[in-house]
């Protein structure tokens, strides 16, 4: 089981990732058409990072719920 400090560190990263996703989604709602692809790419990248974290947690037999994934 990960140490409490690691879990807090990881939660802080997840909070930042989710805040950035929400921010980009908000910007996307009001973005010019030429900005849409750029914002879509950034959103895809954030979601990809979250999926990689989930897969890695599973590979290392770490409880994803415990980490907030």
N, C-alpha and C. Protein backbone atom coordinates (compact mmCIF):
# COMPACT_ATOMS: atom_id res chain seq x y z
N UNK A 1 0.84 -1.18 0.00
CA UNK A 1 0.00 0.00 0.00
C UNK A 1 0.89 1.24 0.00
N UNK A 2 0.56 2.23 -0.84
CA UNK A 2 1.39 3.43 -0.92
C UNK A 2 1.37 4.22 0.38
N UNK A 3 2.44 4.92 0.64
CA UNK A 3 2.49 5.74 1.84
C UNK A 3 1.49 6.88 1.74
N UNK A 4 1.09 7.39 2.89
CA UNK A 4 0.11 8.50 2.93
C UNK A 4 0.64 9.72 2.18
N UNK A 5 1.92 10.00 2.28
CA UNK A 5 2.50 11.14 1.58
C UNK A 5 2.40 10.97 0.07
N UNK A 6 2.66 9.77 -0.40
CA UNK A 6 2.54 9.49 -1.83
C UNK A 6 1.10 9.67 -2.29
N UNK A 7 0.15 9.17 -1.52
CA UNK A 7 -1.26 9.28 -1.89
C UNK A 7 -1.66 10.75 -1.96
N UNK A 8 -1.24 11.55 -0.99
CA UNK A 8 -1.56 12.99 -1.01
C UNK A 8 -0.93 13.67 -2.23
N UNK A 9 0.31 13.32 -2.53
CA UNK A 9 1.00 13.85 -3.71
C UNK A 9 0.24 13.49 -4.98
N UNK A 10 -0.16 12.22 -5.08
CA UNK A 10 -0.87 11.75 -6.26
C UNK A 10 -2.23 12.43 -6.37
N UNK A 11 -2.94 12.58 -5.26
CA UNK A 11 -4.23 13.27 -5.28
C UNK A 11 -4.07 14.71 -5.75
N UNK A 12 -3.01 15.37 -5.34
CA UNK A 12 -2.76 16.74 -5.78
C UNK A 12 -2.58 16.80 -7.29
N UNK A 13 -1.86 15.84 -7.84
CA UNK A 13 -1.68 15.78 -9.29
C UNK A 13 -3.02 15.54 -9.98
N UNK A 14 -3.81 14.60 -9.47
CA UNK A 14 -5.11 14.31 -10.06
C UNK A 14 -6.04 15.51 -10.02
N UNK A 15 -6.02 16.24 -8.92
CA UNK A 15 -6.84 17.45 -8.80
C UNK A 15 -6.44 18.44 -9.88
N UNK A 16 -5.14 18.64 -10.07
CA UNK A 16 -4.65 19.56 -11.10
C UNK A 16 -5.06 19.10 -12.49
N UNK A 17 -4.94 17.82 -12.76
CA UNK A 17 -5.34 17.30 -14.07
C UNK A 17 -6.82 17.54 -14.33
N UNK A 18 -7.65 17.23 -13.33
CA UNK A 18 -9.09 17.41 -13.51
C UNK A 18 -9.47 18.89 -13.61
N UNK A 19 -8.79 19.75 -12.89
CA UNK A 19 -9.04 21.20 -13.02
C UNK A 19 -8.68 21.67 -14.42
N UNK A 20 -7.57 21.19 -14.94
CA UNK A 20 -7.17 21.58 -16.30
C UNK A 20 -8.17 21.08 -17.33
N UNK A 21 -8.67 19.87 -17.14
CA UNK A 21 -9.68 19.33 -18.06
C UNK A 21 -10.93 20.19 -18.03
N UNK A 22 -11.41 20.52 -16.84
CA UNK A 22 -12.61 21.37 -16.73
C UNK A 22 -12.38 22.74 -17.35
N UNK A 23 -11.20 23.29 -17.14
CA UNK A 23 -10.87 24.60 -17.72
C UNK A 23 -10.90 24.55 -19.24
N UNK A 24 -10.29 23.51 -19.80
CA UNK A 24 -10.27 23.36 -21.26
C UNK A 24 -11.67 23.14 -21.81
N UNK A 25 -12.49 22.36 -21.10
CA UNK A 25 -13.86 22.15 -21.55
C UNK A 25 -14.63 23.46 -21.56
N UNK A 26 -14.40 24.30 -20.56
CA UNK A 26 -15.05 25.61 -20.51
C UNK A 26 -14.59 26.50 -21.65
N UNK A 27 -13.29 26.49 -21.92
CA UNK A 27 -12.76 27.30 -23.02
C UNK A 27 -13.29 26.80 -24.36
N UNK A 28 -13.43 25.48 -24.48
CA UNK A 28 -13.89 24.89 -25.73
C UNK A 28 -15.30 25.35 -26.08
N UNK A 29 -16.11 25.56 -25.06
CA UNK A 29 -17.50 25.98 -25.28
C UNK A 29 -17.59 27.35 -25.95
N UNK A 30 -16.56 28.18 -25.74
CA UNK A 30 -16.58 29.54 -26.27
C UNK A 30 -15.48 29.81 -27.28
N UNK A 31 -14.75 28.78 -27.67
CA UNK A 31 -13.59 28.95 -28.56
C UNK A 31 -14.02 29.17 -30.00
N UNK A 32 -13.16 29.86 -30.71
CA UNK A 32 -13.34 30.03 -32.15
C UNK A 32 -13.13 28.67 -32.82
N UNK A 33 -13.73 28.50 -34.00
CA UNK A 33 -13.59 27.20 -34.69
C UNK A 33 -12.14 26.77 -34.90
N UNK A 34 -11.25 27.72 -35.16
CA UNK A 34 -9.85 27.34 -35.40
C UNK A 34 -9.15 26.88 -34.11
N UNK A 35 -9.69 27.22 -32.95
CA UNK A 35 -9.13 26.78 -31.68
C UNK A 35 -9.65 25.41 -31.24
N UNK A 36 -10.74 24.97 -31.80
CA UNK A 36 -11.38 23.73 -31.37
C UNK A 36 -10.45 22.52 -31.46
N UNK A 37 -9.74 22.38 -32.57
CA UNK A 37 -8.83 21.23 -32.74
C UNK A 37 -7.71 21.25 -31.71
N UNK A 38 -7.17 22.42 -31.45
CA UNK A 38 -6.10 22.56 -30.45
C UNK A 38 -6.62 22.13 -29.07
N UNK A 39 -7.77 22.63 -28.68
CA UNK A 39 -8.35 22.30 -27.38
C UNK A 39 -8.72 20.82 -27.31
N UNK A 40 -9.26 20.28 -28.40
CA UNK A 40 -9.57 18.85 -28.44
C UNK A 40 -8.30 18.01 -28.24
N UNK A 41 -7.21 18.43 -28.85
CA UNK A 41 -5.94 17.71 -28.70
C UNK A 41 -5.44 17.74 -27.28
N UNK A 42 -5.54 18.89 -26.64
CA UNK A 42 -5.11 18.98 -25.24
C UNK A 42 -6.00 18.13 -24.35
N UNK A 43 -7.31 18.18 -24.58
CA UNK A 43 -8.21 17.35 -23.78
C UNK A 43 -7.91 15.87 -23.95
N UNK A 44 -7.67 15.46 -25.20
CA UNK A 44 -7.33 14.07 -25.46
C UNK A 44 -6.07 13.68 -24.69
N UNK A 45 -5.08 14.57 -24.68
CA UNK A 45 -3.82 14.28 -23.98
C UNK A 45 -4.04 14.09 -22.49
N UNK A 46 -4.84 14.94 -21.88
CA UNK A 46 -5.13 14.79 -20.45
C UNK A 46 -5.83 13.47 -20.16
N UNK A 47 -6.80 13.13 -20.98
CA UNK A 47 -7.50 11.87 -20.79
C UNK A 47 -6.56 10.68 -20.99
N UNK A 48 -5.65 10.81 -21.94
CA UNK A 48 -4.67 9.75 -22.19
C UNK A 48 -3.77 9.56 -20.96
N UNK A 49 -3.34 10.66 -20.35
CA UNK A 49 -2.51 10.57 -19.14
C UNK A 49 -3.26 9.85 -18.03
N UNK A 50 -4.53 10.19 -17.84
CA UNK A 50 -5.32 9.53 -16.81
C UNK A 50 -5.44 8.02 -17.09
N UNK A 51 -5.62 7.65 -18.35
CA UNK A 51 -5.71 6.23 -18.70
C UNK A 51 -4.40 5.51 -18.45
N UNK A 52 -3.29 6.16 -18.76
CA UNK A 52 -1.97 5.56 -18.50
C UNK A 52 -1.79 5.32 -17.01
N UNK A 53 -2.20 6.29 -16.19
CA UNK A 53 -2.10 6.14 -14.74
C UNK A 53 -2.94 4.97 -14.25
N UNK A 54 -4.14 4.82 -14.80
CA UNK A 54 -5.01 3.71 -14.41
C UNK A 54 -4.39 2.38 -14.79
N UNK A 55 -3.86 2.29 -15.99
CA UNK A 55 -3.24 1.05 -16.46
C UNK A 55 -1.99 0.71 -15.64
N UNK A 56 -1.20 1.72 -15.31
CA UNK A 56 0.00 1.48 -14.52
C UNK A 56 -0.36 1.03 -13.11
N UNK A 57 -1.38 1.64 -12.53
CA UNK A 57 -1.81 1.23 -11.19
C UNK A 57 -2.22 -0.24 -11.22
N UNK A 58 -2.95 -0.63 -12.24
CA UNK A 58 -3.37 -2.02 -12.37
C UNK A 58 -2.16 -2.94 -12.54
N UNK A 59 -1.21 -2.52 -13.35
CA UNK A 59 -0.02 -3.35 -13.59
C UNK A 59 0.79 -3.54 -12.31
N UNK A 60 0.79 -2.54 -11.43
CA UNK A 60 1.54 -2.62 -10.19
C UNK A 60 0.67 -3.12 -9.03
N UNK A 61 -0.54 -3.55 -9.36
CA UNK A 61 -1.47 -4.06 -8.35
C UNK A 61 -1.72 -3.03 -7.24
N UNK A 62 -1.93 -1.79 -7.66
CA UNK A 62 -2.26 -0.70 -6.74
C UNK A 62 -3.74 -0.43 -6.87
N UNK A 63 -4.41 -0.32 -5.76
CA UNK A 63 -5.85 -0.06 -5.75
C UNK A 63 -6.12 1.32 -6.34
N UNK A 64 -6.78 1.34 -7.50
CA UNK A 64 -7.05 2.61 -8.18
C UNK A 64 -7.98 3.50 -7.38
N UNK A 65 -8.96 2.93 -6.72
CA UNK A 65 -9.89 3.72 -5.92
C UNK A 65 -9.16 4.40 -4.76
N UNK A 66 -8.19 3.71 -4.20
CA UNK A 66 -7.41 4.26 -3.10
C UNK A 66 -6.64 5.50 -3.55
N UNK A 67 -6.25 5.50 -4.81
CA UNK A 67 -5.51 6.64 -5.36
C UNK A 67 -6.42 7.71 -5.94
N UNK A 68 -7.70 7.42 -6.03
CA UNK A 68 -8.62 8.39 -6.61
C UNK A 68 -8.74 8.27 -8.11
N UNK A 69 -8.33 7.15 -8.66
CA UNK A 69 -8.46 6.92 -10.10
C UNK A 69 -9.77 6.25 -10.36
